[in-house]
Amino acid sequence: TISRDAKNTVYLEMNSLEPEDTAVYYCAVRY
């Protein structure tokens, strides 16, 4: 689940994680 707060932070809540989820996770922005 992705979400954002009222300011400048975006979250990624990850549940039921699997070995296939193993990775480096990056956030990125476009306008």
All heavy atoms as atom14 arrays in JSON, in Angstrom:
{
  "sequence": "TISRDAKNTVYLEMNSLEPEDTAVYYCAVRY",
  "atom14_mask": [
    [1, 1, 1, 1, 1, 1, 1, 0, 0, 0, 0, 0, 0, 0],
    [1, 1, 1, 1, 1, 1, 1, 1, 0, 0, 0, 0, 0, 0],
    [1, 1, 1, 1, 1, 1, 0, 0, 0, 0, 0, 0, 0, 0],
    [1, 1, 1, 1, 1, 1, 1, 1, 1, 1, 1, 0, 0, 0],
    [1, 1, 1, 1, 1, 1, 1, 1, 0, 0, 0, 0, 0, 0],
    [1, 1, 1, 1, 1, 0, 0, 0, 0, 0, 0, 0, 0, 0],
    [1, 1, 1, 1, 1, 1, 1, 1, 1, 0, 0, 0, 0, 0],
    [1, 1, 1, 1, 1, 1, 1, 1, 0, 0, 0, 0, 0, 0],
    [1, 1, 1, 1, 1, 1, 1, 0, 0, 0, 0, 0, 0, 0],
    [1, 1, 1, 1, 1, 1, 1, 0, 0, 0, 0, 0, 0, 0],
    [1, 1, 1, 1, 1, 1, 1, 1, 1, 1, 1, 1, 0, 0],
    [1, 1, 1, 1, 1, 1, 1, 1, 0, 0, 0, 0, 0, 0],
    [1, 1, 1, 1, 1, 1, 1, 1, 1, 0, 0, 0, 0, 0],
    [1, 1, 1, 1, 1, 1, 1, 1, 0, 0, 0, 0, 0, 0],
    [1, 1, 1, 1, 1, 1, 1, 1, 0, 0, 0, 0, 0, 0],
    [1, 1, 1, 1, 1, 1, 0, 0, 0, 0, 0, 0, 0, 0],
    [1, 1, 1, 1, 1, 1, 1, 1, 0, 0, 0, 0, 0, 0],
    [1, 1, 1, 1, 1, 1, 1, 1, 1, 0, 0, 0, 0, 0],
    [1, 1, 1, 1, 1, 1, 1, 0, 0, 0, 0, 0, 0, 0],
    [1, 1, 1, 1, 1, 1, 1, 1, 1, 0, 0, 0, 0, 0],
    [1, 1, 1, 1, 1, 1, 1, 1, 0, 0, 0, 0, 0, 0],
    [1, 1, 1, 1, 1, 1, 1, 0, 0, 0, 0, 0, 0, 0],
    [1, 1, 1, 1, 1, 0, 0, 0, 0, 0, 0, 0, 0, 0],
    [1, 1, 1, 1, 1, 1, 1, 0, 0, 0, 0, 0, 0, 0],
    [1, 1, 1, 1, 1, 1, 1, 1, 1, 1, 1, 1, 0, 0],
    [1, 1, 1, 1, 1, 1, 1, 1, 1, 1, 1, 1, 0, 0],
    [1, 1, 1, 1, 1, 1, 0, 0, 0, 0, 0, 0, 0, 0],
    [1, 1, 1, 1, 1, 0, 0, 0, 0, 0, 0, 0, 0, 0],
    [1, 1, 1, 1, 1, 1, 1, 0, 0, 0, 0, 0, 0, 0],
    [1, 1, 1, 1, 1, 1, 1, 1, 1, 1, 1, 0, 0, 0],
    [1, 1, 1, 1, 1, 1, 1, 1, 1, 1, 1, 1, 0, 0]
  ],
  "atom14_positions": [
    [[0.83, -1.19, 0.0], [0.0, 0.0, 0.0], [0.87, 1.24, 0.0], [1.76, 1.38, 0.86], [-0.93, 0.04, 1.22], [-1.75, -1.13, 1.25], [-1.83, 1.27, 1.16], [0.0, 0.0, 0.0], [0.0, 0.0, 0.0], [0.0, 0.0, 0.0], [0.0, 0.0, 0.0], [0.0, 0.0, 0.0], [0.0, 0.0, 0.0], [0.0, 0.0, 0.0]],
    [[0.63, 2.13, -0.95], [1.36, 3.38, -1.01], [0.49, 4.49, -0.43], [-0.73, 4.48, -0.58], [1.79, 3.71, -2.46], [2.79, 4.86, -2.49], [0.58, 4.0, -3.34], [3.44, 5.06, -3.85], [0.0, 0.0, 0.0], [0.0, 0.0, 0.0], [0.0, 0.0, 0.0], [0.0, 0.0, 0.0], [0.0, 0.0, 0.0], [0.0, 0.0, 0.0]],
    [[1.12, 5.43, 0.24], [0.39, 6.53, 0.84], [1.32, 7.73, 0.98], [2.54, 7.61, 0.82], [-0.2, 6.14, 2.2], [0.83, 5.81, 3.12], [0.0, 0.0, 0.0], [0.0, 0.0, 0.0], [0.0, 0.0, 0.0], [0.0, 0.0, 0.0], [0.0, 0.0, 0.0], [0.0, 0.0, 0.0], [0.0, 0.0, 0.0], [0.0, 0.0, 0.0]],
    [[0.74, 8.86, 1.28], [1.52, 10.07, 1.49], [0.99, 10.83, 2.68], [-0.2, 10.75, 3.01], [1.5, 10.96, 0.25], [0.11, 11.38, -0.22], [0.19, 12.21, -1.48], [-1.11, 12.48, -2.05], [-1.87, 13.53, -1.75], [-1.44, 14.42, -0.85], [-3.05, 13.7, -2.33], [0.0, 0.0, 0.0], [0.0, 0.0, 0.0], [0.0, 0.0, 0.0]],
    [[1.85, 11.59, 3.33], [1.4, 12.42, 4.43], [1.14, 13.83, 3.92], [1.17, 14.1, 2.73], [2.41, 12.4, 5.58], [3.76, 12.99, 5.23], [3.88, 13.68, 4.19], [4.71, 12.77, 6.0], [0.0, 0.0, 0.0], [0.0, 0.0, 0.0], [0.0, 0.0, 0.0], [0.0, 0.0, 0.0], [0.0, 0.0, 0.0], [0.0, 0.0, 0.0]],
    [[0.87, 14.74, 4.84], [0.5, 16.1, 4.46], [1.69, 16.94, 4.04], [1.5, 18.06, 3.56], [-0.23, 16.79, 5.62], [0.0, 0.0, 0.0], [0.0, 0.0, 0.0], [0.0, 0.0, 0.0], [0.0, 0.0, 0.0], [0.0, 0.0, 0.0], [0.0, 0.0, 0.0], [0.0, 0.0, 0.0], [0.0, 0.0, 0.0], [0.0, 0.0, 0.0]],
    [[2.86, 16.42, 4.2], [4.04, 17.23, 3.91], [4.86, 16.64, 2.77], [4.52, 16.8, 1.6], [4.87, 17.4, 5.17], [4.16, 18.22, 6.24], [5.05, 18.51, 7.43], [4.33, 19.4, 8.43], [5.18, 19.7, 9.61], [0.0, 0.0, 0.0], [0.0, 0.0, 0.0], [0.0, 0.0, 0.0], [0.0, 0.0, 0.0], [0.0, 0.0, 0.0]],
    [[5.9, 15.94, 3.1], [6.87, 15.59, 2.07], [7.33, 14.13, 2.1], [8.41, 13.82, 1.58], [8.1, 16.49, 2.19], [8.83, 16.32, 3.52], [8.3, 15.74, 4.46], [10.05, 16.84, 3.58], [0.0, 0.0, 0.0], [0.0, 0.0, 0.0], [0.0, 0.0, 0.0], [0.0, 0.0, 0.0], [0.0, 0.0, 0.0], [0.0, 0.0, 0.0]],
    [[6.52, 13.26, 2.66], [6.91, 11.86, 2.77], [5.89, 10.94, 2.13], [4.69, 11.12, 2.33], [7.1, 11.45, 4.25], [8.09, 12.31, 4.85], [7.57, 10.02, 4.35], [0.0, 0.0, 0.0], [0.0, 0.0, 0.0], [0.0, 0.0, 0.0], [0.0, 0.0, 0.0], [0.0, 0.0, 0.0], [0.0, 0.0, 0.0], [0.0, 0.0, 0.0]],
    [[6.38, 10.0, 1.37], [5.57, 8.94, 0.78], [6.0, 7.62, 1.38], [7.2, 7.37, 1.56], [5.69, 8.93, -0.75], [5.02, 7.7, -1.34], [5.07, 10.2, -1.33], [0.0, 0.0, 0.0], [0.0, 0.0, 0.0], [0.0, 0.0, 0.0], [0.0, 0.0, 0.0], [0.0, 0.0, 0.0], [0.0, 0.0, 0.0], [0.0, 0.0, 0.0]],
    [[5.04, 6.76, 1.66], [5.29, 5.5, 2.31], [4.91, 4.34, 1.41], [4.03, 4.44, 0.57], [4.5, 5.39, 3.62], [4.74, 6.54, 4.57], [3.91, 7.65, 4.57], [5.81, 6.51, 5.45], [4.13, 8.7, 5.43], [6.04, 7.55, 6.32], [5.2, 8.65, 6.31], [5.43, 9.69, 7.18], [0.0, 0.0, 0.0], [0.0, 0.0, 0.0]],
    [[5.57, 3.23, 1.64], [5.2, 1.98, 1.01], [5.1, 0.93, 2.11], [6.13, 0.49, 2.63], [6.2, 1.57, -0.06], [5.83, 0.32, -0.85], [4.6, 0.58, -1.73], [7.0, -0.16, -1.7], [0.0, 0.0, 0.0], [0.0, 0.0, 0.0], [0.0, 0.0, 0.0], [0.0, 0.0, 0.0], [0.0, 0.0, 0.0], [0.0, 0.0, 0.0]],
    [[3.87, 0.57, 2.45], [3.64, -0.49, 3.42], [3.63, -1.82, 2.69], [2.83, -2.02, 1.78], [2.31, -0.27, 4.14], [2.0, -1.27, 5.22], [2.84, -1.07, 6.47], [3.19, 0.09, 6.75], [3.14, -2.06, 7.16], [0.0, 0.0, 0.0], [0.0, 0.0, 0.0], [0.0, 0.0, 0.0], [0.0, 0.0, 0.0], [0.0, 0.0, 0.0]],
    [[4.52, -2.7, 3.08], [4.69, -3.97, 2.42], [4.32, -5.08, 3.38], [4.95, -5.23, 4.43], [6.13, -4.14, 1.92], [6.61, -3.0, 1.03], [8.24, -3.31, 0.33], [9.23, -3.32, 1.83], [0.0, 0.0, 0.0], [0.0, 0.0, 0.0], [0.0, 0.0, 0.0], [0.0, 0.0, 0.0], [0.0, 0.0, 0.0], [0.0, 0.0, 0.0]],
    [[3.32, -5.84, 3.02], [2.85, -6.96, 3.82], [2.97, -8.26, 3.05], [3.1, -8.27, 1.83], [1.39, -6.74, 4.24], [1.2, -5.48, 5.05], [1.91, -5.24, 6.02], [0.22, -4.67, 4.66], [0.0, 0.0, 0.0], [0.0, 0.0, 0.0], [0.0, 0.0, 0.0], [0.0, 0.0, 0.0], [0.0, 0.0, 0.0], [0.0, 0.0, 0.0]],
    [[2.9, -9.35, 3.78], [3.0, -10.69, 3.18], [4.19, -10.79, 2.25], [4.09, -11.26, 1.11], [1.7, -11.02, 2.44], [0.59, -10.98, 3.31], [0.0, 0.0, 0.0], [0.0, 0.0, 0.0], [0.0, 0.0, 0.0], [0.0, 0.0, 0.0], [0.0, 0.0, 0.0], [0.0, 0.0, 0.0], [0.0, 0.0, 0.0], [0.0, 0.0, 0.0]],
    [[5.32, -10.34, 2.74], [6.51, -10.3, 1.9], [6.97, -11.69, 1.5], [6.86, -12.64, 2.28], [7.62, -9.56, 2.62], [7.46, -8.03, 2.65], [8.36, -7.42, 3.7], [7.77, -7.45, 1.27], [0.0, 0.0, 0.0], [0.0, 0.0, 0.0], [0.0, 0.0, 0.0], [0.0, 0.0, 0.0], [0.0, 0.0, 0.0], [0.0, 0.0, 0.0]],
    [[7.48, -11.77, 0.31], [7.96, -13.01, -0.27], [9.42, -12.86, -0.64], [9.91, -11.75, -0.84], [7.13, -13.35, -1.52], [5.64, -13.42, -1.28], [4.84, -13.45, -2.56], [5.43, -13.29, -3.65], [3.61, -13.66, -2.47], [0.0, 0.0, 0.0], [0.0, 0.0, 0.0], [0.0, 0.0, 0.0], [0.0, 0.0, 0.0], [0.0, 0.0, 0.0]],
    [[10.14, -13.97, -0.75], [11.54, -13.87, -1.17], [11.73, -13.13, -2.48], [12.75, -12.46, -2.67], [11.98, -15.34, -1.28], [11.11, -16.05, -0.3], [9.78, -15.35, -0.36], [0.0, 0.0, 0.0], [0.0, 0.0, 0.0], [0.0, 0.0, 0.0], [0.0, 0.0, 0.0], [0.0, 0.0, 0.0], [0.0, 0.0, 0.0], [0.0, 0.0, 0.0]],
    [[10.75, -13.23, -3.36], [10.82, -12.55, -4.65], [10.76, -11.03, -4.51], [11.05, -10.31, -5.47], [9.69, -13.03, -5.56], [9.83, -14.47, -6.03], [9.49, -15.49, -4.95], [8.84, -15.11, -3.94], [9.87, -16.66, -5.1], [0.0, 0.0, 0.0], [0.0, 0.0, 0.0], [0.0, 0.0, 0.0], [0.0, 0.0, 0.0], [0.0, 0.0, 0.0]],
    [[10.38, -10.54, -3.35], [10.36, -9.1, -3.1], [11.74, -8.56, -2.74], [11.89, -7.34, -2.62], [9.38, -8.76, -1.98], [7.95, -9.11, -2.34], [7.53, -8.82, -3.48], [7.25, -9.67, -1.47], [0.0, 0.0, 0.0], [0.0, 0.0, 0.0], [0.0, 0.0, 0.0], [0.0, 0.0, 0.0], [0.0, 0.0, 0.0], [0.0, 0.0, 0.0]],
    [[12.7, -9.42, -2.55], [14.05, -8.99, -2.2], [14.64, -8.13, -3.32], [14.7, -8.56, -4.47], [14.95, -10.19, -1.94], [14.47, -10.91, -0.8], [16.38, -9.75, -1.67], [0.0, 0.0, 0.0], [0.0, 0.0, 0.0], [0.0, 0.0, 0.0], [0.0, 0.0, 0.0], [0.0, 0.0, 0.0], [0.0, 0.0, 0.0], [0.0, 0.0, 0.0]],
    [[15.06, -6.94, -2.97], [15.59, -6.0, -3.95], [16.01, -4.73, -3.24], [15.71, -4.53, -2.06], [14.54, -5.67, -5.02], [0.0, 0.0, 0.0], [0.0, 0.0, 0.0], [0.0, 0.0, 0.0], [0.0, 0.0, 0.0], [0.0, 0.0, 0.0], [0.0, 0.0, 0.0], [0.0, 0.0, 0.0], [0.0, 0.0, 0.0], [0.0, 0.0, 0.0]],
    [[16.7, -3.88, -3.97], [16.88, -2.51, -3.53], [15.68, -1.72, -4.0], [15.33, -1.75, -5.18], [18.18, -1.9, -4.09], [18.31, -0.45, -3.67], [19.39, -2.7, -3.59], [0.0, 0.0, 0.0], [0.0, 0.0, 0.0], [0.0, 0.0, 0.0], [0.0, 0.0, 0.0], [0.0, 0.0, 0.0], [0.0, 0.0, 0.0], [0.0, 0.0, 0.0]],
    [[15.06, -1.01, -3.1], [13.87, -0.23, -3.4], [14.23, 1.24, -3.51], [14.89, 1.8, -2.63], [12.8, -0.44, -2.33], [12.09, -1.76, -2.46], [12.74, -2.95, -2.17], [10.77, -1.81, -2.88], [12.09, -4.16, -2.31], [10.11, -3.02, -3.02], [10.78, -4.2, -2.73], [10.13, -5.4, -2.86], [0.0, 0.0, 0.0], [0.0, 0.0, 0.0]],
    [[13.77, 1.86, -4.58], [14.04, 3.25, -4.86], [12.74, 4.03, -4.95], [11.74, 3.52, -5.45], [14.77, 3.42, -6.2], [16.08, 2.68, -6.33], [16.12, 1.36, -6.77], [17.28, 3.31, -6.03], [17.32, 0.69, -6.9], [18.48, 2.65, -6.15], [18.5, 1.34, -6.59], [19.69, 0.67, -6.73], [0.0, 0.0, 0.0], [0.0, 0.0, 0.0]],
    [[12.78, 5.27, -4.52], [11.69, 6.17, -4.86], [12.17, 7.14, -5.93], [13.36, 7.44, -6.03], [11.14, 6.9, -3.63], [12.27, 8.04, -2.81], [0.0, 0.0, 0.0], [0.0, 0.0, 0.0], [0.0, 0.0, 0.0], [0.0, 0.0, 0.0], [0.0, 0.0, 0.0], [0.0, 0.0, 0.0], [0.0, 0.0, 0.0], [0.0, 0.0, 0.0]],
    [[11.23, 7.61, -6.72], [11.55, 8.48, -7.83], [10.42, 9.47, -8.05], [9.26, 9.19, -7.7], [11.8, 7.65, -9.1], [0.0, 0.0, 0.0], [0.0, 0.0, 0.0], [0.0, 0.0, 0.0], [0.0, 0.0, 0.0], [0.0, 0.0, 0.0], [0.0, 0.0, 0.0], [0.0, 0.0, 0.0], [0.0, 0.0, 0.0], [0.0, 0.0, 0.0]],
    [[10.75, 10.6, -8.64], [9.79, 11.68, -8.85], [9.8, 12.14, -10.29], [10.86, 12.22, -10.92], [10.08, 12.87, -7.92], [9.31, 14.11, -8.35], [9.74, 12.53, -6.48], [0.0, 0.0, 0.0], [0.0, 0.0, 0.0], [0.0, 0.0, 0.0], [0.0, 0.0, 0.0], [0.0, 0.0, 0.0], [0.0, 0.0, 0.0], [0.0, 0.0, 0.0]],
    [[8.62, 12.42, -10.79], [8.48, 13.18, -12.01], [7.44, 14.26, -11.79], [6.54, 14.1, -10.96], [8.09, 12.31, -13.2], [6.66, 11.76, -13.14], [6.28, 11.1, -14.46], [4.92, 10.57, -14.42], [3.83, 11.26, -14.74], [3.93, 12.53, -15.13], [2.64, 10.69, -14.67], [0.0, 0.0, 0.0], [0.0, 0.0, 0.0], [0.0, 0.0, 0.0]],
    [[7.55, 15.35, -12.5], [6.53, 16.39, -12.47], [5.54, 16.17, -13.6], [5.9, 15.7, -14.68], [7.16, 17.77, -12.62], [8.03, 18.18, -11.45], [9.41, 18.35, -11.6], [7.47, 18.39, -10.2], [10.2, 18.73, -10.53], [8.26, 18.76, -9.12], [9.62, 18.93, -9.29], [10.41, 19.3, -8.22], [0.0, 0.0, 0.0], [0.0, 0.0, 0.0]]
  ]
}
